[in-house]
Amino acid sequence: MEIGIVGLGLIGGSLAKAISQNTDHTVYGYDISDQVVKKAVLLDAIEQPLTDKLLPQCDIVIVALYPQATIDYVTEYASLFKEDAIVLDCGGVKRIVCDALIPLGEKHGFLFVGGHPMAGLEHSGFTYAKKSLFNNASMIFTSTRGPIESMSKLKDLFTSIGFTNIEITTPAEHDKKIAFTSQLAHVVSNAYIKSPTARVHAGFSAGSYKDLTRVAKLNEDMWTELFLENAENLTQEIDTLIGNLTMYRDAIENDDSETLRELLREGREMKAVIDGEIF
């Protein structure tokens, strides 16, 4: 197949490298930075720059931009996509994107599928892109009214570059779950590191500190957009966390060992259940 990738940051660049180096497909790429495109060609991540002339040849177009930029790009180039082409996004929220672009695809004859590769690093940009980023990761697709052959084509492509789990869900269900599994974790990590003690903790930290603070080093432009576009789900998760933390705080402040022990037991057992362990 001929595959176009729009946006050669961490995700788009890693997809370009993985597809180019692990499959026989031809990959074209576009990025707002001409230097990034040239580097991608030199590193064999893409065959050549994705142009308006090449776009209509692409069987699959992967848009690895922020959600609103994805909507803007697909809307602007809708008339250039090949008939029956698959257009897939990689953004962290799905409702706003799918609501805008699924009808647009039906109007112009291409199939839009919402996608979310569950992989990443605390760094961003093509410099950190690597073909192994998706090894053993999950790939999420939104349900579609398109032919089953199209979804099979996507499944085959993404499993060929390292993904080992494919999930199909609705845009609304995706956004609800991702508010907990990803967005809340970034909020907590970013808020946790703001303690005054963070500046003087050297020599007193180990794995738990590193695990909890890893994603505090985030891209504030991207995450601001993602948080606000999923505000209802995320604020519910934050409220739940605040309620839970308040119970722990009260038990500690009141020297209530019985309640504290019960809270800790519940958390331990919940983790064991989620991980499929026996406690």
C-alpha atoms as a PDB file:
ATOM      1  CA  MET A   1       0.000   0.000   0.000  1.00  0.00           C
ATOM      2  CA  GLU A   2       0.887   3.652  -0.246  1.00  0.00           C
ATOM      3  CA  ILE A   3       0.556   5.287   3.165  1.00  0.00           C
ATOM      4  CA  GLY A   4       0.663   8.982   3.996  1.00  0.00           C
ATOM      5  CA  ILE A   5       1.540  10.215   7.481  1.00  0.00           C
ATOM      6  CA  VAL A   6       0.690  13.782   8.451  1.00  0.00           C
ATOM      7  CA  GLY A   7       2.680  15.030  11.444  1.00  0.00           C
ATOM      8  CA  LEU A   8       6.095  13.491  12.089  1.00  0.00           C
ATOM      9  CA  GLY A   9       6.354  14.007  15.837  1.00  0.00           C
ATOM     10  CA  LEU A  10       6.919  11.216  18.329  1.00  0.00           C
ATOM     11  CA  ILE A  11       3.880   9.168  17.263  1.00  0.00           C
ATOM     12  CA  GLY A  12       3.810  10.004  13.565  1.00  0.00           C
ATOM     13  CA  GLY A  13       7.569   9.674  13.252  1.00  0.00           C
ATOM     14  CA  SER A  14       7.589   6.351  15.074  1.00  0.00           C
ATOM     15  CA  LEU A  15       4.773   5.065  12.860  1.00  0.00           C
ATOM     16  CA  ALA A  16       6.718   6.149   9.782  1.00  0.00           C
ATOM     17  CA  LYS A  17       9.864   4.366  10.954  1.00  0.00           C
ATOM     18  CA  ALA A  18       7.980   1.238  12.027  1.00  0.00           C
ATOM     19  CA  ILE A  19       6.003   0.909   8.784  1.00  0.00           C
ATOM     20  CA  SER A  20       8.948   1.746   6.517  1.00  0.00           C
ATOM     21  CA  GLN A  21      11.367  -0.606   8.260  1.00  0.00           C
ATOM     22  CA  ASN A  22       9.016  -3.501   9.106  1.00  0.00           C
ATOM     23  CA  THR A  23       6.764  -3.726   6.043  1.00  0.00           C
ATOM     24  CA  ASP A  24       6.863  -3.441   2.257  1.00  0.00           C
ATOM     25  CA  HIS A  25       4.479  -0.472   2.207  1.00  0.00           C
ATOM     26  CA  THR A  26       5.569   2.868   0.769  1.00  0.00           C
ATOM     27  CA  VAL A  27       5.390   5.742   3.265  1.00  0.00           C
ATOM     28  CA  TYR A  28       5.111   9.434   2.469  1.00  0.00           C
ATOM     29  CA  GLY A  29       5.296  12.036   5.208  1.00  0.00           C
ATOM     30  CA  TYR A  30       4.398  15.647   5.904  1.00  0.00           C
ATOM     31  CA  ASP A  31       5.363  17.892   8.789  1.00  0.00           C
ATOM     32  CA  ILE A  32       5.092  21.616   9.365  1.00  0.00           C
ATOM     33  CA  SER A  33       8.882  21.590   9.785  1.00  0.00           C
ATOM     34  CA  ASP A  34      10.689  21.114   6.491  1.00  0.00           C
ATOM     35  CA  GLN A  35      13.816  20.107   8.434  1.00  0.00           C
ATOM     36  CA  VAL A  36      11.928  17.240  10.047  1.00  0.00           C
ATOM     37  CA  VAL A  37      10.725  16.011   6.645  1.00  0.00           C
ATOM     38  CA  LYS A  38      14.270  16.109   5.265  1.00  0.00           C
ATOM     39  CA  LYS A  39      15.575  14.230   8.302  1.00  0.00           C
ATOM     40  CA  ALA A  40      12.818  11.626   7.931  1.00  0.00           C
ATOM     41  CA  VAL A  41      13.882  11.025   4.317  1.00  0.00           C
ATOM     42  CA  LEU A  42      17.564  10.753   5.256  1.00  0.00           C
ATOM     43  CA  LEU A  43      16.762   8.238   8.014  1.00  0.00           C
ATOM     44  CA  ASP A  44      14.553   6.162   5.678  1.00  0.00           C
ATOM     45  CA  ALA A  45      11.475   6.852   7.798  1.00  0.00           C
ATOM     46  CA  ILE A  46       9.639   8.041   4.677  1.00  0.00           C
ATOM     47  CA  GLU A  47      10.150   7.482   0.956  1.00  0.00           C
ATOM     48  CA  GLN A  48       9.526  11.120   0.079  1.00  0.00           C
ATOM     49  CA  PRO A  49       7.516  14.149   1.263  1.00  0.00           C
ATOM     50  CA  LEU A  50       3.730  13.833   1.152  1.00  0.00           C
ATOM     51  CA  THR A  51       2.462  16.349  -1.393  1.00  0.00           C
ATOM     52  CA  ASP A  52      -0.955  17.298  -2.755  1.00  0.00           C
ATOM     53  CA  LYS A  53      -0.056  15.228  -5.832  1.00  0.00           C
ATOM     54  CA  LEU A  54       0.733  12.098  -3.795  1.00  0.00           C
ATOM     55  CA  LEU A  55      -2.139  12.386  -1.316  1.00  0.00           C
ATOM     56  CA  PRO A  56      -4.783  11.036  -3.771  1.00  0.00           C
ATOM     57  CA  GLN A  57      -2.638   7.924  -4.268  1.00  0.00           C
ATOM     58  CA  CYS A  58      -2.608   6.971  -0.595  1.00  0.00           C
ATOM     59  CA  ASP A  59      -4.615   3.935   0.458  1.00  0.00           C
ATOM     60  CA  ILE A  60      -4.283   4.967   4.110  1.00  0.00           C
ATOM     61  CA  VAL A  61      -3.657   8.429   5.520  1.00  0.00           C
ATOM     62  CA  ILE A  62      -2.613   8.593   9.178  1.00  0.00           C
ATOM     63  CA  VAL A  63      -3.058  12.030  10.756  1.00  0.00           C
ATOM     64  CA  ALA A  64      -0.839  12.367  13.833  1.00  0.00           C
ATOM     65  CA  LEU A  65      -1.780  15.891  14.901  1.00  0.00           C
ATOM     66  CA  TYR A  66      -3.587  17.449  17.861  1.00  0.00           C
ATOM     67  CA  PRO A  67      -7.358  16.894  17.689  1.00  0.00           C
ATOM     68  CA  GLN A  68      -8.394  20.319  16.380  1.00  0.00           C
ATOM     69  CA  ALA A  69      -5.508  20.376  13.911  1.00  0.00           C
ATOM     70  CA  THR A  70      -6.641  16.941  12.724  1.00  0.00           C
ATOM     71  CA  ILE A  71     -10.151  18.232  12.103  1.00  0.00           C
ATOM     72  CA  ASP A  72      -8.761  21.232  10.244  1.00  0.00           C
ATOM     73  CA  TYR A  73      -6.419  19.162   8.070  1.00  0.00           C
ATOM     74  CA  VAL A  74      -8.936  16.480   7.089  1.00  0.00           C
ATOM     75  CA  THR A  75     -11.574  19.123   6.380  1.00  0.00           C
ATOM     76  CA  GLU A  76      -9.190  21.098   4.171  1.00  0.00           C
ATOM     77  CA  TYR A  77      -7.987  18.082   2.172  1.00  0.00           C
ATOM     78  CA  ALA A  78     -11.209  16.042   2.117  1.00  0.00           C
ATOM     79  CA  SER A  79     -11.627  16.397  -1.634  1.00  0.00           C
ATOM     80  CA  LEU A  80      -8.121  15.046  -2.311  1.00  0.00           C
ATOM     81  CA  PHE A  81      -8.399  11.736  -0.493  1.00  0.00           C
ATOM     82  CA  LYS A  82      -8.627   8.662  -2.690  1.00  0.00           C
ATOM     83  CA  GLU A  83     -12.090   7.126  -2.959  1.00  0.00           C
ATOM     84  CA  ASP A  84     -12.362   4.361  -0.351  1.00  0.00           C
ATOM     85  CA  ALA A  85      -9.161   5.508   1.331  1.00  0.00           C
ATOM     86  CA  ILE A  86      -8.923   5.014   5.082  1.00  0.00           C
ATOM     87  CA  VAL A  87      -8.155   8.169   7.054  1.00  0.00           C
ATOM     88  CA  LEU A  88      -7.075   7.489  10.623  1.00  0.00           C
ATOM     89  CA  ASP A  89      -6.219   9.916  13.416  1.00  0.00           C
ATOM     90  CA  CYS A  90      -3.979   9.274  16.438  1.00  0.00           C
ATOM     91  CA  GLY A  91      -5.307  11.809  18.938  1.00  0.00           C
ATOM     92  CA  GLY A  92      -5.949  11.301  22.638  1.00  0.00           C
ATOM     93  CA  VAL A  93      -9.661  12.156  22.470  1.00  0.00           C
ATOM     94  CA  LYS A  94     -12.152  10.735  20.030  1.00  0.00           C
ATOM     95  CA  ARG A  95     -15.647  12.255  20.320  1.00  0.00           C
ATOM     96  CA  ILE A  96     -14.838  15.721  18.997  1.00  0.00           C
ATOM     97  CA  VAL A  97     -12.805  14.305  16.107  1.00  0.00           C
ATOM     98  CA  CYS A  98     -15.170  11.504  15.103  1.00  0.00           C
ATOM     99  CA  ASP A  99     -18.259  13.707  15.340  1.00  0.00           C
ATOM    100  CA  ALA A 100     -16.702  16.097  12.836  1.00  0.00           C
ATOM    101  CA  LEU A 101     -14.941  13.733  10.454  1.00  0.00           C
ATOM    102  CA  ILE A 102     -17.039  10.573  10.139  1.00  0.00           C
ATOM    103  CA  PRO A 103     -19.840  12.484   8.336  1.00  0.00           C
ATOM    104  CA  LEU A 104     -17.230  14.308   6.245  1.00  0.00           C
ATOM    105  CA  GLY A 105     -15.783  11.012   5.116  1.00  0.00           C
ATOM    106  CA  GLU A 106     -19.210   9.704   4.146  1.00  0.00           C
ATOM    107  CA  LYS A 107     -19.798  12.846   2.119  1.00  0.00           C
ATOM    108  CA  HIS A 108     -16.489  12.632   0.234  1.00  0.00           C
ATOM    109  CA  GLY A 109     -16.188   8.861  -0.158  1.00  0.00           C
ATOM    110  CA  PHE A 110     -13.398   8.029   2.274  1.00  0.00           C
ATOM    111  CA  LEU A 111     -13.633   6.107   5.550  1.00  0.00           C
ATOM    112  CA  PHE A 112     -12.635   7.973   8.693  1.00  0.00           C
ATOM    113  CA  VAL A 113     -11.640   5.852  11.682  1.00  0.00           C
ATOM    114  CA  GLY A 114     -10.695   7.255  15.058  1.00  0.00           C
ATOM    115  CA  GLY A 115      -7.490   5.739  16.363  1.00  0.00           C
ATOM    116  CA  HIS A 116      -5.336   5.973  19.483  1.00  0.00           C
ATOM    117  CA  PRO A 117      -1.994   4.168  19.796  1.00  0.00           C
ATOM    118  CA  MET A 118      -1.455   3.487  23.501  1.00  0.00           C
ATOM    119  CA  ALA A 119       2.247   4.211  23.555  1.00  0.00           C
ATOM    120  CA  GLY A 120       4.451   7.186  24.215  1.00  0.00           C
ATOM    121  CA  LEU A 121       7.380   8.735  26.012  1.00  0.00           C
ATOM    122  CA  GLU A 122       7.892  11.703  28.286  1.00  0.00           C
ATOM    123  CA  HIS A 123       9.653  13.350  25.320  1.00  0.00           C
ATOM    124  CA  SER A 124       8.103  14.665  22.107  1.00  0.00           C
ATOM    125  CA  GLY A 125       9.242  15.289  18.557  1.00  0.00           C
ATOM    126  CA  PHE A 126      10.773  13.315  15.705  1.00  0.00           C
ATOM    127  CA  THR A 127      14.146  13.230  17.462  1.00  0.00           C
ATOM    128  CA  TYR A 128      12.737  10.679  19.916  1.00  0.00           C
ATOM    129  CA  ALA A 129      10.745   8.655  17.372  1.00  0.00           C
ATOM    130  CA  LYS A 130      11.670   4.989  17.197  1.00  0.00           C
ATOM    131  CA  LYS A 131      10.341   1.994  15.319  1.00  0.00           C
ATOM    132  CA  SER A 132      10.076  -0.110  18.504  1.00  0.00           C
ATOM    133  CA  LEU A 133       7.763   2.343  20.306  1.00  0.00           C
ATOM    134  CA  PHE A 134       4.690   0.195  19.650  1.00  0.00           C
ATOM    135  CA  ASN A 135       6.076  -3.205  20.608  1.00  0.00           C
ATOM    136  CA  ASN A 136       3.488  -5.042  22.750  1.00  0.00           C
ATOM    137  CA  ALA A 137       1.231  -1.958  22.865  1.00  0.00           C
ATOM    138  CA  SER A 138      -2.539  -1.640  22.424  1.00  0.00           C
ATOM    139  CA  MET A 139      -4.110   0.087  19.437  1.00  0.00           C
ATOM    140  CA  ILE A 140      -7.604   1.475  19.838  1.00  0.00           C
ATOM    141  CA  PHE A 141      -9.985   1.937  16.906  1.00  0.00           C
ATOM    142  CA  THR A 142     -13.446   3.442  17.038  1.00  0.00           C
ATOM    143  CA  SER A 143     -16.325   1.464  15.634  1.00  0.00           C
ATOM    144  CA  THR A 144     -17.267   2.307  12.071  1.00  0.00           C
ATOM    145  CA  ARG A 145     -19.942   1.630   9.489  1.00  0.00           C
ATOM    146  CA  GLY A 146     -17.214   0.880   6.961  1.00  0.00           C
ATOM    147  CA  PRO A 147     -16.558  -2.567   5.449  1.00  0.00           C
ATOM    148  CA  ILE A 148     -14.960  -5.232   7.623  1.00  0.00           C
ATOM    149  CA  GLU A 149     -12.159  -5.461   5.058  1.00  0.00           C
ATOM    150  CA  SER A 150     -11.061  -1.941   5.988  1.00  0.00           C
ATOM    151  CA  MET A 151     -10.757  -2.790   9.672  1.00  0.00           C
ATOM    152  CA  SER A 152      -8.904  -5.995   8.791  1.00  0.00           C
ATOM    153  CA  LYS A 153      -6.491  -3.926   6.728  1.00  0.00           C
ATOM    154  CA  LEU A 154      -5.859  -1.630   9.691  1.00  0.00           C
ATOM    155  CA  LYS A 155      -5.472  -4.559  12.081  1.00  0.00           C
ATOM    156  CA  ASP A 156      -2.928  -6.234   9.803  1.00  0.00           C
ATOM    157  CA  LEU A 157      -0.961  -3.009   9.409  1.00  0.00           C
ATOM    158  CA  PHE A 158      -0.749  -2.212  13.098  1.00  0.00           C
ATOM    159  CA  THR A 159       0.007  -5.745  14.252  1.00  0.00           C
ATOM    160  CA  SER A 160       2.820  -5.866  11.690  1.00  0.00           C
ATOM    161  CA  ILE A 161       4.593  -2.981  13.462  1.00  0.00           C
ATOM    162  CA  GLY A 162       4.452  -4.338  16.995  1.00  0.00           C
ATOM    163  CA  PHE A 163       0.957  -3.829  18.414  1.00  0.00           C
ATOM    164  CA  THR A 164      -0.229  -6.981  20.157  1.00  0.00           C
ATOM    165  CA  ASN A 165      -3.700  -5.911  21.282  1.00  0.00           C
ATOM    166  CA  ILE A 166      -6.426  -4.329  19.170  1.00  0.00           C
ATOM    167  CA  GLU A 167      -9.438  -2.737  20.886  1.00  0.00           C
ATOM    168  CA  ILE A 168     -12.650  -1.565  19.191  1.00  0.00           C
ATOM    169  CA  THR A 169     -14.790   0.942  21.070  1.00  0.00           C
ATOM    170  CA  THR A 170     -17.076   3.928  20.669  1.00  0.00           C
ATOM    171  CA  PRO A 171     -15.718   7.476  20.788  1.00  0.00           C
ATOM    172  CA  ALA A 172     -17.664   8.180  23.994  1.00  0.00           C
ATOM    173  CA  GLU A 173     -16.431   5.037  25.747  1.00  0.00           C
ATOM    174  CA  HIS A 174     -12.874   5.771  24.679  1.00  0.00           C
ATOM    175  CA  ASP A 175     -12.957   9.254  26.169  1.00  0.00           C
ATOM    176  CA  LYS A 176     -14.464   8.025  29.428  1.00  0.00           C
ATOM    177  CA  LYS A 177     -11.823   5.333  29.927  1.00  0.00           C
ATOM    178  CA  ILE A 178      -8.895   7.446  28.773  1.00  0.00           C
ATOM    179  CA  ALA A 179      -9.801  10.141  31.303  1.00  0.00           C
ATOM    180  CA  PHE A 180      -8.879   7.607  33.990  1.00  0.00           C
ATOM    181  CA  THR A 181      -6.051   5.603  32.436  1.00  0.00           C
ATOM    182  CA  SER A 182      -4.101   8.478  30.900  1.00  0.00           C
ATOM    183  CA  GLN A 183      -5.363  11.984  31.546  1.00  0.00           C
ATOM    184  CA  LEU A 184      -5.819  11.681  35.319  1.00  0.00           C
ATOM    185  CA  ALA A 185      -2.348  10.140  35.615  1.00  0.00           C
ATOM    186  CA  HIS A 186      -0.827  13.166  33.890  1.00  0.00           C
ATOM    187  CA  VAL A 187      -2.759  15.577  36.121  1.00  0.00           C
ATOM    188  CA  VAL A 188      -1.665  13.755  39.277  1.00  0.00           C
ATOM    189  CA  SER A 189       1.972  13.509  38.217  1.00  0.00           C
ATOM    190  CA  ASN A 190       2.132  17.154  37.205  1.00  0.00           C
ATOM    191  CA  ALA A 191       0.494  18.319  40.442  1.00  0.00           C
ATOM    192  CA  TYR A 192       2.522  15.974  42.662  1.00  0.00           C
ATOM    193  CA  ILE A 193       5.866  17.386  41.495  1.00  0.00           C
ATOM    194  CA  LYS A 194       4.833  20.894  42.619  1.00  0.00           C
ATOM    195  CA  SER A 195       5.407  20.085  46.288  1.00  0.00           C
ATOM    196  CA  PRO A 196       8.092  22.343  47.798  1.00  0.00           C
ATOM    197  CA  THR A 197       9.807  19.160  48.980  1.00  0.00           C
ATOM    198  CA  ALA A 198      10.485  18.246  45.346  1.00  0.00           C
ATOM    199  CA  ARG A 199      13.324  20.780  45.275  1.00  0.00           C
ATOM    200  CA  VAL A 200      15.135  19.296  48.267  1.00  0.00           C
ATOM    201  CA  HIS A 201      14.449  15.565  48.011  1.00  0.00           C
ATOM    202  CA  ALA A 202      17.742  14.536  46.363  1.00  0.00           C
ATOM    203  CA  GLY A 203      19.039  11.278  47.833  1.00  0.00           C
ATOM    204  CA  PHE A 204      15.686  10.362  49.350  1.00  0.00           C
ATOM    205  CA  SER A 205      13.864   9.002  46.292  1.00  0.00           C
ATOM    206  CA  ALA A 206      13.734   5.707  44.443  1.00  0.00           C
ATOM    207  CA  GLY A 207      11.430   3.840  42.070  1.00  0.00           C
ATOM    208  CA  SER A 208       8.090   5.037  43.390  1.00  0.00           C
ATOM    209  CA  TYR A 209       9.098   8.685  42.969  1.00  0.00           C
ATOM    210  CA  LYS A 210      10.376   8.073  39.450  1.00  0.00           C
ATOM    211  CA  ASP A 211       7.255   6.144  38.458  1.00  0.00           C
ATOM    212  CA  LEU A 212       4.902   8.815  39.757  1.00  0.00           C
ATOM    213  CA  THR A 213       6.756  11.773  38.233  1.00  0.00           C
ATOM    214  CA  ARG A 214       7.679  10.370  34.816  1.00  0.00           C
ATOM    215  CA  VAL A 215       4.797  11.948  32.918  1.00  0.00           C
ATOM    216  CA  ALA A 216       4.989  15.267  34.775  1.00  0.00           C
ATOM    217  CA  LYS A 217       7.366  16.200  31.961  1.00  0.00           C
ATOM    218  CA  LEU A 218       4.561  16.691  29.474  1.00  0.00           C
ATOM    219  CA  ASN A 219       3.723  18.846  26.470  1.00  0.00           C
ATOM    220  CA  GLU A 220       1.475  21.476  28.034  1.00  0.00           C
ATOM    221  CA  ASP A 221       0.034  22.649  24.700  1.00  0.00           C
ATOM    222  CA  MET A 222      -1.168  19.176  23.717  1.00  0.00           C
ATOM    223  CA  TRP A 223      -2.413  18.159  27.152  1.00  0.00           C
ATOM    224  CA  THR A 224      -4.283  21.421  27.705  1.00  0.00           C
ATOM    225  CA  GLU A 225      -6.237  20.721  24.515  1.00  0.00           C
ATOM    226  CA  LEU A 226      -6.850  17.080  25.437  1.00  0.00           C
ATOM    227  CA  PHE A 227      -7.991  17.908  28.978  1.00  0.00           C
ATOM    228  CA  LEU A 228     -10.409  20.626  27.896  1.00  0.00           C
ATOM    229  CA  GLU A 229     -11.876  18.508  25.095  1.00  0.00           C
ATOM    230  CA  ASN A 230     -12.646  15.774  27.630  1.00  0.00           C
ATOM    231  CA  ALA A 231     -13.500  18.053  30.542  1.00  0.00           C
ATOM    232  CA  GLU A 232     -16.626  16.287  31.814  1.00  0.00           C
ATOM    233  CA  ASN A 233     -15.004  12.868  32.091  1.00  0.00           C
ATOM    234  CA  LEU A 234     -11.750  14.199  33.500  1.00  0.00           C
ATOM    235  CA  THR A 235     -13.326  16.402  36.161  1.00  0.00           C
ATOM    236  CA  GLN A 236     -15.387  13.423  37.348  1.00  0.00           C
ATOM    237  CA  GLU A 237     -12.192  11.398  37.754  1.00  0.00           C
ATOM    238  CA  ILE A 238     -10.474  14.277  39.581  1.00  0.00           C
ATOM    239  CA  ASP A 239     -13.455  14.640  41.922  1.00  0.00           C
ATOM    240  CA  THR A 240     -13.363  10.911  42.677  1.00  0.00           C
ATOM    241  CA  LEU A 241      -9.650  11.106  43.444  1.00  0.00           C
ATOM    242  CA  ILE A 242     -10.096  14.137  45.691  1.00  0.00           C
ATOM    243  CA  GLY A 243     -12.797  12.273  47.613  1.00  0.00           C
ATOM    244  CA  ASN A 244     -10.543   9.248  48.057  1.00  0.00           C
ATOM    245  CA  LEU A 245      -7.561  11.349  49.117  1.00  0.00           C
ATOM    246  CA  THR A 246      -9.732  13.164  51.647  1.00  0.00           C
ATOM    247  CA  MET A 247     -10.587   9.868  53.315  1.00  0.00           C
ATOM    248  CA  TYR A 248      -6.913   8.954  53.622  1.00  0.00           C
ATOM    249  CA  ARG A 249      -6.046  12.423  54.897  1.00  0.00           C
ATOM    250  CA  ASP A 250      -8.787  12.377  57.527  1.00  0.00           C
ATOM    251  CA  ALA A 251      -7.790   8.937  58.782  1.00  0.00           C
ATOM    252  CA  ILE A 252      -4.159  10.005  59.123  1.00  0.00           C
ATOM    253  CA  GLU A 253      -4.981  13.333  60.762  1.00  0.00           C
ATOM    254  CA  ASN A 254      -7.295  11.620  63.256  1.00  0.00           C
ATOM    255  CA  ASP A 255      -4.833   8.838  64.059  1.00  0.00           C
ATOM    256  CA  ASP A 256      -7.519   6.382  62.914  1.00  0.00           C
ATOM    257  CA  SER A 257      -5.452   3.271  62.246  1.00  0.00           C
ATOM    258  CA  GLU A 258      -8.479   1.032  61.689  1.00  0.00           C
ATOM    259  CA  THR A 259      -9.909   3.184  58.902  1.00  0.00           C
ATOM    260  CA  LEU A 260      -6.489   3.778  57.363  1.00  0.00           C
ATOM    261  CA  ARG A 261      -5.677   0.084  57.322  1.00  0.00           C
ATOM    262  CA  GLU A 262      -9.029  -0.653  55.676  1.00  0.00           C
ATOM    263  CA  LEU A 263      -8.444   1.999  53.014  1.00  0.00           C
ATOM    264  CA  LEU A 264      -5.010   0.599  52.246  1.00  0.00           C
ATOM    265  CA  ARG A 265      -6.351  -2.966  52.139  1.00  0.00           C
ATOM    266  CA  GLU A 266      -9.097  -1.961  49.710  1.00  0.00           C
ATOM    267  CA  GLY A 267      -6.568  -0.327  47.413  1.00  0.00           C
ATOM    268  CA  ARG A 268      -4.215  -3.295  47.513  1.00  0.00           C
ATOM    269  CA  GLU A 269      -7.008  -5.760  46.780  1.00  0.00           C
ATOM    270  CA  MET A 270      -8.411  -3.610  43.994  1.00  0.00           C
ATOM    271  CA  LYS A 271      -4.996  -3.555  42.307  1.00  0.00           C
ATOM    272  CA  ALA A 272      -4.731  -7.328  42.655  1.00  0.00           C
ATOM    273  CA  VAL A 273      -8.195  -7.844  41.111  1.00  0.00           C
ATOM    274  CA  ILE A 274      -7.378  -5.540  38.200  1.00  0.00           C
ATOM    275  CA  ASP A 275      -4.080  -7.345  37.577  1.00  0.00           C
ATOM    276  CA  GLY A 276      -5.815 -10.737  37.716  1.00  0.00           C
ATOM    277  CA  GLU A 277      -3.953 -11.800  40.826  1.00  0.00           C
ATOM    278  CA  ILE A 278      -5.252 -13.831  43.778  1.00  0.00           C
ATOM    279  CA  PHE A 279      -5.006 -12.160  47.153  1.00  0.00           C
END
